[in-house]
């Protein structure tokens, strides 16, 4: 009897069932492998996005901290506290003034004097804080052909006049409830001060309350008042 070697009978029911079972079993495995492969391909991109997002967050946080530090540094830097000179040489705006004693005048009337033009308000704590030093500054500079000139932006006249009396203000002051004078100088926060030379030109703009009796300020005014 001879042995016949033939291929599988594709029409055999048993073979057909095995084929279907194989397909059914292998298909999910293939799909799983394809999914894993796709995940592995996309993993670097996901990691890249994650790390980029993390880096951007850290950069934003550090940027915010540096920005806050810069603001604090700017406001506490000695040159800023003593005044900034970006307006130096510009002609001072000639503003109209009605002094507390009722006298009408304007800034141009003070030409020939060094003027310390101070914008302030009774409701402004930093303004109140520096008032005693301004009173002392007036005492020092008045004999040297200079004057502190206050411009209040108070709306309440009685509060303004009570403040002048209670704090012994010894320099001329005016009240401008409209704030026009301050806005003409670009001032919207108080106190703010402009040192104006005898020729009517701005020497320095000073932002915020100052210790007008500090050695630095004393030396500054000595240099300014020593000029003709």
Foldseek 3Di string as FASTA:
>chain_A
DDDDDDDDDPVDPVNVVVVVVCCVVVVVVVVVVVVVVVCVVCVVVVVVVVVVVVVVVVVVVVVVVVVVVVVVCCCPPVDQQLFDFPQFPAFQDWDWFQWPVRDTDIPVVLQQAWEKEKEEEPPDVQRVVQQVQQQVVQVVCVVLRYFYEYEYLDPDVVSVVVVCVVSVRPGIYGYHVVCPSCVVVPDDDDTKIFTAANRRGTRGIHDTHHNCPDPVNVVVVVVRSVDD
